[in-house]
Amino acid sequence: MKKEVFKSILVEWFERKLPSLIERELKVTPNKELITAIIGPRRVGKTYLMFFIIENLLKTYSKEEIIFIDFEDNRLSGMKPQDLDDLFVAHSEISSKKAKYLFFDEIQEVPQWSKFLRRLNNLGQYNIVISGSSSKLASNEVATELRGRYKSHLLLPFSFTEFLRVRGFTYDLKTSYSAEKKGELNRLFEEYTKYGGYPQIVKAETITEKRELAKAYFETIFYKDILERYTINNRDIMEMLMNYILSNNSSTFSTNSFNKILKANSIKASTKTISLYLKYLEESFFVLTLQKFSYSARIRLMNPKKIYLADNCFQTFLSTNSTEDKGKLLESLIMQETKRRNIETYYFKETKECDFILKQGQSILSANQVTYELSPQNQDREINGLLQASGSLKTKNNTIITLDQKQEIIKDKQKIHVQPAWKWLLENEE
């Protein structure tokens, strides 16, 4: 019987003060029809997002109408599925209020958790929000276990807007006309581009602290999210794959080419195994992948994917490349943001290449190239790739995203906007 334990945990919750919270851009509105699942990489603030939702609910509801349980609490170790009913018995014995909102963190620690949630959902009495670490509660597991009774929300590291909020910097349309504020904005954008948006890394005061955190996150992903979760026996292949991605961020990935690297190191693996390991890295949110644009799903699957790190801190601190590739970091930021905004995104390639095609339903939103600097040396390549994509897909919005250039280019009767990346990130929110 866990009733007495639940009583202690609930009383502590009722008396607990919420920590200082940063507003996130991800908007989550729980409802009784569907279970709300917050998914994403570890250490991005999923629990704090729960607290932020609760903070807003407390404007309308009392604390006793909201239950928050962290199932990693050591007092709840060894729980059995039938013990979960004791939670509601305990609540009714210490409160005259009926629970309306249920927040379950690390729910996957309880055996048969999905059956319990489905039963609660069937009652239609509760707004249910769940979250869990990426090593144990991945998006595909939520889909399998909850069988269409859920709505998932992906939380990634801080966006640039959130990063500025943490830094106490206020941006508006007048900012770019103020030399002082523009200089500070450029400095902050360079920091964000290099070190990414993981909350603790953003708050770390020294480069050494940031590096140690990035290394710790990488090792946790490798050991817990990958090796333990998928019981991988040949760790050499996965280790080489992760290190390869660190040094080839924002690049096309070929299983055959990577297999040649393995063979050169006397490691045997099938292309099927390599593809499976890449899928594991996607499910653990270490890497984001992009398919080549095609209206045919079969053709999309047949072509190589482009790979992007889910946060730039990994390339900056852990890549073995001797020189910093600012263009790759910039391109990776744009990919991360399209994922954050839940925009359907592809790359385009025929005789020329375009970095991003943004799509919504049946509509093509825009074609976008990303380059650190548009120069006489690369201008023809960037423009021609964009125009080939635009001509093939009939896009009306064509943009080249750079570090800090702004202009309009007319070529072949097509208008091309050249826009700073920071401006695209701050002003093009869907």
Protein backbone atom coordinates (compact mmCIF):
# COMPACT_ATOMS: atom_id res chain seq x y z
CA MET A 1 0.00 0.00 0.00
CA LYS A 2 1.42 3.36 -1.09
CA LYS A 3 -1.43 5.47 0.30
CA GLU A 4 0.56 6.96 3.19
CA VAL A 5 3.49 7.71 0.91
CA PHE A 6 1.20 9.49 -1.54
CA LYS A 7 -0.27 11.52 1.34
CA SER A 8 3.20 12.76 2.28
CA ILE A 9 4.06 13.60 -1.33
CA LEU A 10 0.76 15.42 -1.90
CA VAL A 11 1.09 17.52 1.27
CA GLU A 12 4.62 18.46 0.24
CA TRP A 13 3.26 19.43 -3.19
CA PHE A 14 0.49 21.58 -1.73
CA GLU A 15 3.01 23.44 0.43
CA ARG A 16 5.75 23.68 -2.18
CA LYS A 17 6.57 26.96 -3.84
CA LEU A 18 7.15 26.81 -7.58
CA PRO A 19 10.68 27.76 -8.71
CA SER A 20 11.47 30.85 -10.74
CA LEU A 21 10.26 30.05 -14.25
CA ILE A 22 11.13 31.21 -17.77
CA GLU A 23 8.21 31.45 -20.16
CA ARG A 24 8.66 29.03 -23.05
CA GLU A 25 7.31 29.59 -26.55
CA LEU A 26 5.77 26.12 -26.67
CA LYS A 27 2.10 26.59 -25.83
CA VAL A 28 0.51 23.61 -24.11
CA THR A 29 -3.18 23.57 -23.21
CA PRO A 30 -4.26 20.36 -21.45
CA ASN A 31 -7.72 18.98 -22.17
CA LYS A 32 -9.82 16.02 -21.05
CA GLU A 33 -10.16 14.45 -24.48
CA LEU A 34 -6.49 13.72 -25.09
CA ILE A 35 -3.53 13.01 -22.81
CA THR A 36 -0.87 15.71 -23.20
CA ALA A 37 2.64 14.27 -23.64
CA ILE A 38 5.69 16.54 -23.40
CA ILE A 39 8.62 14.92 -25.17
CA GLY A 40 12.13 16.04 -26.07
CA PRO A 41 15.81 15.72 -25.19
CA ARG A 42 16.90 15.44 -21.58
CA ARG A 43 17.82 18.63 -19.70
CA VAL A 44 15.70 20.98 -21.85
CA GLY A 45 13.21 21.86 -19.09
CA LYS A 46 10.25 19.52 -19.55
CA THR A 47 9.51 19.46 -15.80
CA TYR A 48 9.82 23.25 -15.64
CA LEU A 49 7.38 23.55 -18.53
CA MET A 50 4.93 21.51 -16.44
CA PHE A 51 5.47 23.96 -13.57
CA PHE A 52 4.84 26.90 -15.92
CA ILE A 53 1.53 25.36 -17.04
CA ILE A 54 0.62 24.82 -13.39
CA GLU A 55 1.55 28.41 -12.51
CA ASN A 56 -1.00 29.66 -15.06
CA LEU A 57 -3.63 27.20 -13.81
CA LEU A 58 -3.22 28.53 -10.27
CA LYS A 59 -4.78 31.78 -11.43
CA THR A 60 -8.05 29.83 -11.70
CA TYR A 61 -7.68 26.68 -9.61
CA SER A 62 -6.43 25.94 -6.11
CA LYS A 63 -3.25 23.92 -5.61
CA GLU A 64 -5.33 21.03 -4.25
CA GLU A 65 -7.14 20.70 -7.58
CA ILE A 66 -3.80 20.07 -9.27
CA ILE A 67 -1.73 16.95 -8.61
CA PHE A 68 1.97 16.79 -9.51
CA ILE A 69 3.85 13.53 -8.99
CA ASP A 70 7.46 12.81 -9.87
CA PHE A 71 7.60 9.04 -10.18
CA GLU A 72 11.39 9.08 -9.80
CA ASP A 73 10.84 9.95 -6.13
CA ASN A 74 12.67 7.17 -4.27
CA ARG A 75 9.66 6.73 -1.96
CA LEU A 76 7.73 5.42 -4.96
CA SER A 77 10.30 2.85 -6.02
CA GLY A 78 8.95 -0.65 -6.52
CA MET A 79 5.46 0.59 -7.36
CA LYS A 80 2.98 -1.85 -8.80
CA PRO A 81 0.20 -0.85 -11.23
CA GLN A 82 -2.51 -1.36 -8.59
CA ASP A 83 -0.71 1.05 -6.24
CA LEU A 84 -1.62 3.98 -8.49
CA ASP A 85 -5.23 3.92 -7.32
CA ASP A 86 -3.95 4.75 -3.82
CA LEU A 87 -3.05 8.20 -5.15
CA PHE A 88 -6.71 9.18 -5.48
CA VAL A 89 -7.67 7.61 -2.15
CA ALA A 90 -4.86 9.58 -0.49
CA HIS A 91 -5.96 12.80 -2.19
CA SER A 92 -9.59 12.41 -1.10
CA GLU A 93 -8.51 11.79 2.52
CA ILE A 94 -6.42 14.97 2.82
CA SER A 95 -8.39 17.36 0.60
CA SER A 96 -12.04 18.29 0.17
CA LYS A 97 -11.29 19.41 -3.42
CA LYS A 98 -11.59 17.14 -6.43
CA ALA A 99 -8.48 16.81 -8.57
CA LYS A 100 -8.96 18.28 -12.04
CA TYR A 101 -5.41 18.34 -13.43
CA LEU A 102 -2.88 15.50 -13.19
CA PHE A 103 0.81 16.09 -13.93
CA PHE A 104 2.87 12.89 -14.00
CA ASP A 105 6.62 13.30 -14.46
CA GLU A 106 8.68 10.19 -15.31
CA ILE A 107 5.47 8.14 -15.47
CA GLN A 108 7.32 5.39 -17.35
CA GLU A 109 8.90 4.32 -14.02
CA VAL A 110 5.59 2.61 -13.18
CA PRO A 111 4.92 -0.81 -14.77
CA GLN A 112 1.91 -0.82 -17.14
CA TRP A 113 1.67 2.96 -16.88
CA SER A 114 -0.11 3.24 -20.21
CA LYS A 115 -3.05 1.06 -19.11
CA PHE A 116 -3.47 3.26 -16.05
CA LEU A 117 -3.48 6.44 -18.15
CA ARG A 118 -5.90 5.00 -20.70
CA ARG A 119 -8.27 4.06 -17.89
CA LEU A 120 -8.09 7.57 -16.42
CA ASN A 121 -8.62 9.06 -19.86
CA ASN A 122 -11.73 6.90 -20.34
CA LEU A 123 -13.28 8.46 -17.22
CA GLY A 124 -13.23 11.89 -18.86
CA GLN A 125 -12.70 13.58 -15.47
CA TYR A 126 -9.09 14.68 -15.66
CA ASN A 127 -6.77 16.84 -17.74
CA ILE A 128 -3.65 14.67 -17.88
CA VAL A 129 -0.10 15.85 -18.66
CA ILE A 130 2.85 13.43 -18.77
CA SER A 131 6.55 13.69 -19.43
CA GLY A 132 9.60 11.49 -19.17
CA SER A 133 13.29 11.27 -19.92
CA SER A 134 14.20 10.60 -23.54
CA SER A 135 16.00 7.41 -22.50
CA LYS A 136 12.73 5.83 -21.39
CA LEU A 137 9.80 7.70 -22.93
CA ALA A 138 10.39 8.39 -26.61
CA SER A 139 7.76 9.71 -29.01
CA ASN A 140 7.32 6.32 -30.69
CA GLU A 141 6.67 4.70 -27.30
CA VAL A 142 4.03 7.28 -26.45
CA ALA A 143 2.36 6.60 -29.79
CA THR A 144 2.45 2.83 -29.26
CA GLU A 145 1.32 2.84 -25.64
CA LEU A 146 -1.40 5.50 -25.77
CA ARG A 147 -2.86 4.46 -29.13
CA GLY A 148 -4.15 7.73 -30.48
CA ARG A 149 -5.36 9.07 -27.13
CA TYR A 150 -2.66 11.68 -26.82
CA LYS A 151 -1.26 14.87 -28.28
CA SER A 152 2.52 15.20 -28.10
CA HIS A 153 4.45 18.46 -27.78
CA LEU A 154 8.15 18.56 -28.64
CA LEU A 155 10.29 20.72 -26.34
CA LEU A 156 13.77 21.57 -27.60
CA PRO A 157 16.51 23.74 -26.08
CA PHE A 158 15.85 27.48 -25.86
CA SER A 159 14.94 29.30 -29.07
CA PHE A 160 16.77 32.57 -29.72
CA THR A 161 13.73 34.47 -28.44
CA GLU A 162 13.82 32.46 -25.19
CA PHE A 163 17.60 32.87 -24.98
CA LEU A 164 17.21 36.67 -25.17
CA ARG A 165 14.50 36.52 -22.50
CA VAL A 166 16.88 34.70 -20.15
CA ARG A 167 19.56 37.29 -20.91
CA GLY A 168 17.13 40.13 -20.15
CA PHE A 169 17.39 41.57 -23.66
CA THR A 170 14.22 43.08 -25.15
CA TYR A 171 13.91 43.05 -28.93
CA ASP A 172 11.53 45.14 -31.00
CA LEU A 173 11.50 46.53 -34.52
CA LYS A 174 13.50 49.61 -33.41
CA THR A 175 16.41 47.53 -32.11
CA SER A 176 18.23 47.25 -35.45
CA TYR A 177 18.33 51.07 -35.70
CA SER A 178 20.07 51.49 -32.35
CA ALA A 179 23.85 51.06 -32.68
CA GLU A 180 24.25 50.14 -29.01
CA LYS A 181 21.42 47.60 -28.91
CA LYS A 182 22.34 46.20 -32.32
CA GLY A 183 25.90 45.60 -31.10
CA GLU A 184 24.64 43.78 -28.03
CA LEU A 185 22.20 41.75 -30.15
CA ASN A 186 25.02 40.67 -32.46
CA ARG A 187 27.14 39.61 -29.48
CA LEU A 188 24.28 37.60 -27.99
CA PHE A 189 23.52 35.97 -31.33
CA GLU A 190 27.15 34.88 -31.73
CA GLU A 191 27.01 33.35 -28.23
CA TYR A 192 23.75 31.54 -29.01
CA THR A 193 25.07 30.27 -32.35
CA LYS A 194 28.21 28.81 -30.76
CA TYR A 195 26.92 27.46 -27.46
CA GLY A 196 23.28 26.63 -28.22
CA GLY A 197 20.20 26.77 -26.05
CA TYR A 198 20.40 24.12 -23.34
CA PRO A 199 19.11 26.00 -20.25
CA GLN A 200 21.97 25.08 -17.90
CA ILE A 201 24.60 25.80 -20.57
CA VAL A 202 22.99 29.19 -21.25
CA LYS A 203 23.13 29.99 -17.54
CA ALA A 204 26.69 28.69 -17.02
CA GLU A 205 29.08 31.59 -16.43
CA THR A 206 32.30 30.20 -17.88
CA ILE A 207 33.29 28.43 -21.09
CA THR A 208 34.75 25.61 -19.00
CA GLU A 209 31.39 25.04 -17.28
CA LYS A 210 29.61 25.06 -20.64
CA ARG A 211 32.08 22.55 -22.08
CA GLU A 212 31.74 20.20 -19.10
CA LEU A 213 27.95 20.29 -19.33
CA ALA A 214 28.00 19.58 -23.08
CA LYS A 215 30.36 16.66 -22.49
CA ALA A 216 28.16 15.30 -19.68
CA TYR A 217 25.03 15.55 -21.86
CA PHE A 218 26.80 13.77 -24.71
CA GLU A 219 27.94 10.93 -22.47
CA THR A 220 24.49 10.53 -20.93
CA ILE A 221 22.90 10.35 -24.39
CA PHE A 222 25.50 7.77 -25.43
CA TYR A 223 25.26 5.52 -22.38
CA LYS A 224 21.66 5.90 -21.17
CA ASP A 225 19.63 7.03 -24.19
CA ILE A 226 21.41 4.77 -26.66
CA LEU A 227 23.45 1.86 -25.25
CA GLU A 228 21.16 1.01 -22.32
CA ARG A 229 17.88 1.82 -23.99
CA TYR A 230 18.48 -0.16 -27.16
CA THR A 231 20.83 -2.75 -25.60
CA ILE A 232 23.49 -2.14 -28.24
CA ASN A 233 26.33 -4.64 -28.08
CA ASN A 234 28.64 -3.14 -30.69
CA ARG A 235 29.27 0.24 -29.12
CA ASP A 236 32.18 0.98 -31.50
CA ILE A 237 29.79 1.53 -34.43
CA MET A 238 27.56 3.88 -32.43
CA GLU A 239 30.53 5.77 -31.00
CA MET A 240 32.00 6.28 -34.47
CA LEU A 241 28.61 7.33 -35.84
CA MET A 242 28.09 9.96 -33.14
CA ASN A 243 31.60 11.32 -33.59
CA TYR A 244 31.10 11.37 -37.37
CA ILE A 245 27.93 13.45 -36.94
CA LEU A 246 29.75 15.85 -34.60
CA SER A 247 32.23 16.59 -37.37
CA ASN A 248 29.68 16.58 -40.23
CA ASN A 249 26.84 18.66 -38.85
CA SER A 250 24.54 20.10 -41.55
CA SER A 251 25.73 17.60 -44.17
CA THR A 252 24.24 14.85 -46.31
CA PHE A 253 24.66 11.43 -44.73
CA SER A 254 25.32 8.34 -46.84
CA THR A 255 25.17 4.93 -45.16
CA ASN A 256 27.45 3.51 -47.86
CA SER A 257 30.07 6.22 -47.36
CA PHE A 258 29.98 5.78 -43.59
CA ASN A 259 30.26 2.02 -44.02
CA LYS A 260 33.51 2.55 -45.94
CA ILE A 261 34.85 4.50 -42.95
CA LEU A 262 33.94 1.59 -40.67
CA LYS A 263 35.65 -0.91 -42.99
CA ALA A 264 38.77 1.25 -43.05
CA ASN A 265 38.80 0.83 -39.27
CA SER A 266 38.25 -2.94 -39.54
CA ILE A 267 34.66 -2.69 -38.26
CA LYS A 268 31.93 -4.69 -39.98
CA ALA A 269 28.34 -3.41 -40.18
CA SER A 270 25.47 -3.64 -42.64
CA THR A 271 23.85 -0.54 -44.11
CA LYS A 272 20.64 -1.69 -42.38
CA THR A 273 22.41 -1.54 -38.99
CA ILE A 274 23.79 1.93 -39.73
CA SER A 275 20.32 3.20 -40.72
CA LEU A 276 18.87 1.69 -37.55
CA TYR A 277 21.53 3.34 -35.37
CA LEU A 278 20.83 6.70 -37.03
CA LYS A 279 17.13 6.17 -36.22
CA TYR A 280 18.07 5.60 -32.56
CA LEU A 281 19.91 8.93 -32.54
CA GLU A 282 16.83 10.62 -33.97
CA GLU A 283 14.57 9.06 -31.34
CA SER A 284 16.94 10.26 -28.62
CA PHE A 285 16.89 13.80 -30.09
CA PHE A 286 20.66 13.91 -30.54
CA VAL A 287 20.26 14.43 -34.26
CA LEU A 288 17.59 15.92 -36.52
CA THR A 289 17.30 14.60 -40.07
CA LEU A 290 16.00 16.10 -43.27
CA GLN A 291 14.69 14.21 -46.31
CA LYS A 292 15.15 15.27 -49.91
CA PHE A 293 12.00 16.94 -51.23
CA SER A 294 9.69 14.80 -53.30
CA TYR A 295 5.94 14.38 -53.48
CA SER A 296 6.61 10.63 -53.43
CA ALA A 297 7.22 9.09 -50.00
CA ARG A 298 9.10 6.20 -51.65
CA ILE A 299 11.55 8.54 -53.37
CA ARG A 300 12.06 10.50 -50.15
CA LEU A 301 13.02 7.28 -48.35
CA MET A 302 15.37 6.17 -51.13
CA ASN A 303 17.50 9.33 -51.02
CA PRO A 304 20.19 10.25 -48.45
CA LYS A 305 19.17 12.37 -45.49
CA LYS A 306 20.84 15.52 -44.26
CA ILE A 307 21.86 15.39 -40.61
CA TYR A 308 21.81 18.19 -38.04
CA LEU A 309 22.74 18.26 -34.38
CA ALA A 310 19.79 19.16 -32.15
CA ASP A 311 21.94 21.77 -30.39
CA ASN A 312 25.08 23.60 -31.48
CA CYS A 313 26.95 23.08 -28.20
CA PHE A 314 27.93 19.59 -29.34
CA GLN A 315 29.67 20.80 -32.51
CA THR A 316 31.39 23.67 -30.71
CA PHE A 317 32.76 21.67 -27.81
CA LEU A 318 33.06 18.09 -29.06
CA SER A 319 33.78 18.14 -32.80
CA THR A 320 37.30 17.07 -33.77
CA ASN A 321 37.38 19.56 -36.65
CA SER A 322 40.29 21.95 -36.19
CA THR A 323 38.41 24.97 -37.54
CA GLU A 324 35.00 26.29 -36.57
CA ASP A 325 32.52 26.10 -39.46
CA LYS A 326 30.23 29.06 -38.77
CA GLY A 327 28.15 28.35 -41.86
CA LYS A 328 27.27 24.86 -40.60
CA LEU A 329 26.37 26.25 -37.17
CA LEU A 330 24.11 28.84 -38.78
CA GLU A 331 22.39 26.28 -41.00
CA SER A 332 21.89 23.99 -38.01
CA LEU A 333 20.17 26.83 -36.10
CA ILE A 334 17.63 27.26 -38.88
CA MET A 335 16.91 23.52 -38.96
CA GLN A 336 16.44 23.45 -35.19
CA GLU A 337 13.99 26.34 -35.43
CA THR A 338 11.86 24.75 -38.15
CA LYS A 339 11.63 21.65 -35.95
CA ARG A 340 10.75 23.80 -32.96
CA ARG A 341 7.95 25.45 -34.92
CA ASN A 342 6.74 22.09 -36.23
CA ILE A 343 7.19 23.12 -39.86
CA GLU A 344 7.44 20.36 -42.46
CA THR A 345 10.95 20.80 -43.88
CA TYR A 346 13.00 19.23 -46.69
CA TYR A 347 16.13 19.91 -48.70
CA PHE A 348 15.99 20.29 -52.50
CA LYS A 349 18.45 18.79 -54.95
CA GLU A 350 18.40 18.40 -58.71
CA THR A 351 21.42 19.68 -60.61
CA LYS A 352 21.71 22.34 -57.89
CA GLU A 353 20.84 22.33 -54.20
CA CYS A 354 18.69 24.44 -51.88
CA ASP A 355 19.05 24.03 -48.12
CA PHE A 356 15.44 24.24 -46.93
CA ILE A 357 12.00 23.88 -48.44
CA LEU A 358 9.30 24.75 -45.90
CA LYS A 359 5.93 23.12 -46.47
CA GLN A 360 2.55 23.22 -44.74
CA GLY A 361 -0.05 20.71 -45.88
CA GLN A 362 -0.11 20.91 -49.66
CA SER A 363 1.36 24.41 -49.75
CA ILE A 364 5.04 25.24 -50.21
CA LEU A 365 5.75 28.14 -47.86
CA SER A 366 9.25 29.13 -48.95
CA ALA A 367 12.63 28.15 -50.32
CA ASN A 368 15.61 29.13 -48.16
CA GLN A 369 19.36 29.08 -48.57
CA VAL A 370 21.67 29.55 -45.60
CA THR A 371 25.20 30.93 -45.90
CA TYR A 372 27.35 32.71 -43.33
CA GLU A 373 28.14 35.45 -45.84
CA LEU A 374 26.86 36.11 -49.34
CA SER A 375 29.99 37.00 -51.32
CA PRO A 376 31.08 37.30 -54.97
CA GLN A 377 32.66 33.84 -54.58
CA ASN A 378 29.45 32.02 -53.55
CA GLN A 379 26.67 34.30 -54.78
CA ASP A 380 25.99 32.48 -58.06
CA ARG A 381 25.87 29.07 -56.33
CA GLU A 382 23.46 30.22 -53.61
CA ILE A 383 21.17 32.19 -55.93
CA ASN A 384 21.06 29.56 -58.69
CA GLY A 385 20.24 26.77 -56.22
CA LEU A 386 17.44 28.88 -54.79
CA LEU A 387 16.06 29.76 -58.22
CA GLN A 388 16.11 26.15 -59.41
CA ALA A 389 14.08 25.14 -56.33
CA SER A 390 11.76 28.10 -56.82
CA GLY A 391 11.23 27.31 -60.49
CA SER A 392 10.58 23.63 -59.84
CA LEU A 393 8.27 24.11 -56.84
CA LYS A 394 6.72 27.49 -57.80
CA THR A 395 7.69 29.15 -54.52
CA LYS A 396 6.89 32.85 -54.12
CA ASN A 397 8.92 33.44 -50.97
CA ASN A 398 12.65 32.99 -51.65
CA THR A 399 15.15 33.91 -48.96
CA ILE A 400 18.90 33.72 -48.42
CA ILE A 401 19.64 33.72 -44.69
CA THR A 402 23.05 35.13 -43.71
CA LEU A 403 24.78 36.29 -40.55
CA ASP A 404 23.97 39.97 -40.88
CA GLN A 405 23.29 40.99 -44.50
CA LYS A 406 20.06 42.55 -45.69
CA GLN A 407 19.16 43.35 -49.29
CA GLU A 408 16.88 42.40 -52.19
CA ILE A 409 18.16 40.73 -55.32
CA ILE A 410 16.27 40.50 -58.60
CA LYS A 411 17.35 37.75 -60.99
CA ASP A 412 15.40 36.14 -63.81
CA LYS A 413 12.43 38.27 -62.72
CA GLN A 414 12.51 36.56 -59.30
CA LYS A 415 12.79 38.57 -56.09
CA ILE A 416 15.16 37.15 -53.48
CA HIS A 417 15.26 38.47 -49.92
CA VAL A 418 18.61 38.43 -48.16
CA GLN A 419 17.97 38.48 -44.42
CA PRO A 420 20.02 38.25 -41.21
CA ALA A 421 19.56 34.95 -39.38
CA TRP A 422 18.74 36.67 -36.08
CA LYS A 423 15.97 38.60 -37.84
CA TRP A 424 14.56 35.42 -39.40
CA LEU A 425 14.55 33.72 -36.01
CA LEU A 426 12.86 36.62 -34.22
CA GLU A 427 10.41 37.91 -36.79
CA ASN A 428 9.29 34.90 -38.81
CA GLU A 429 7.44 32.98 -36.10
CA GLU A 430 4.55 31.01 -37.47
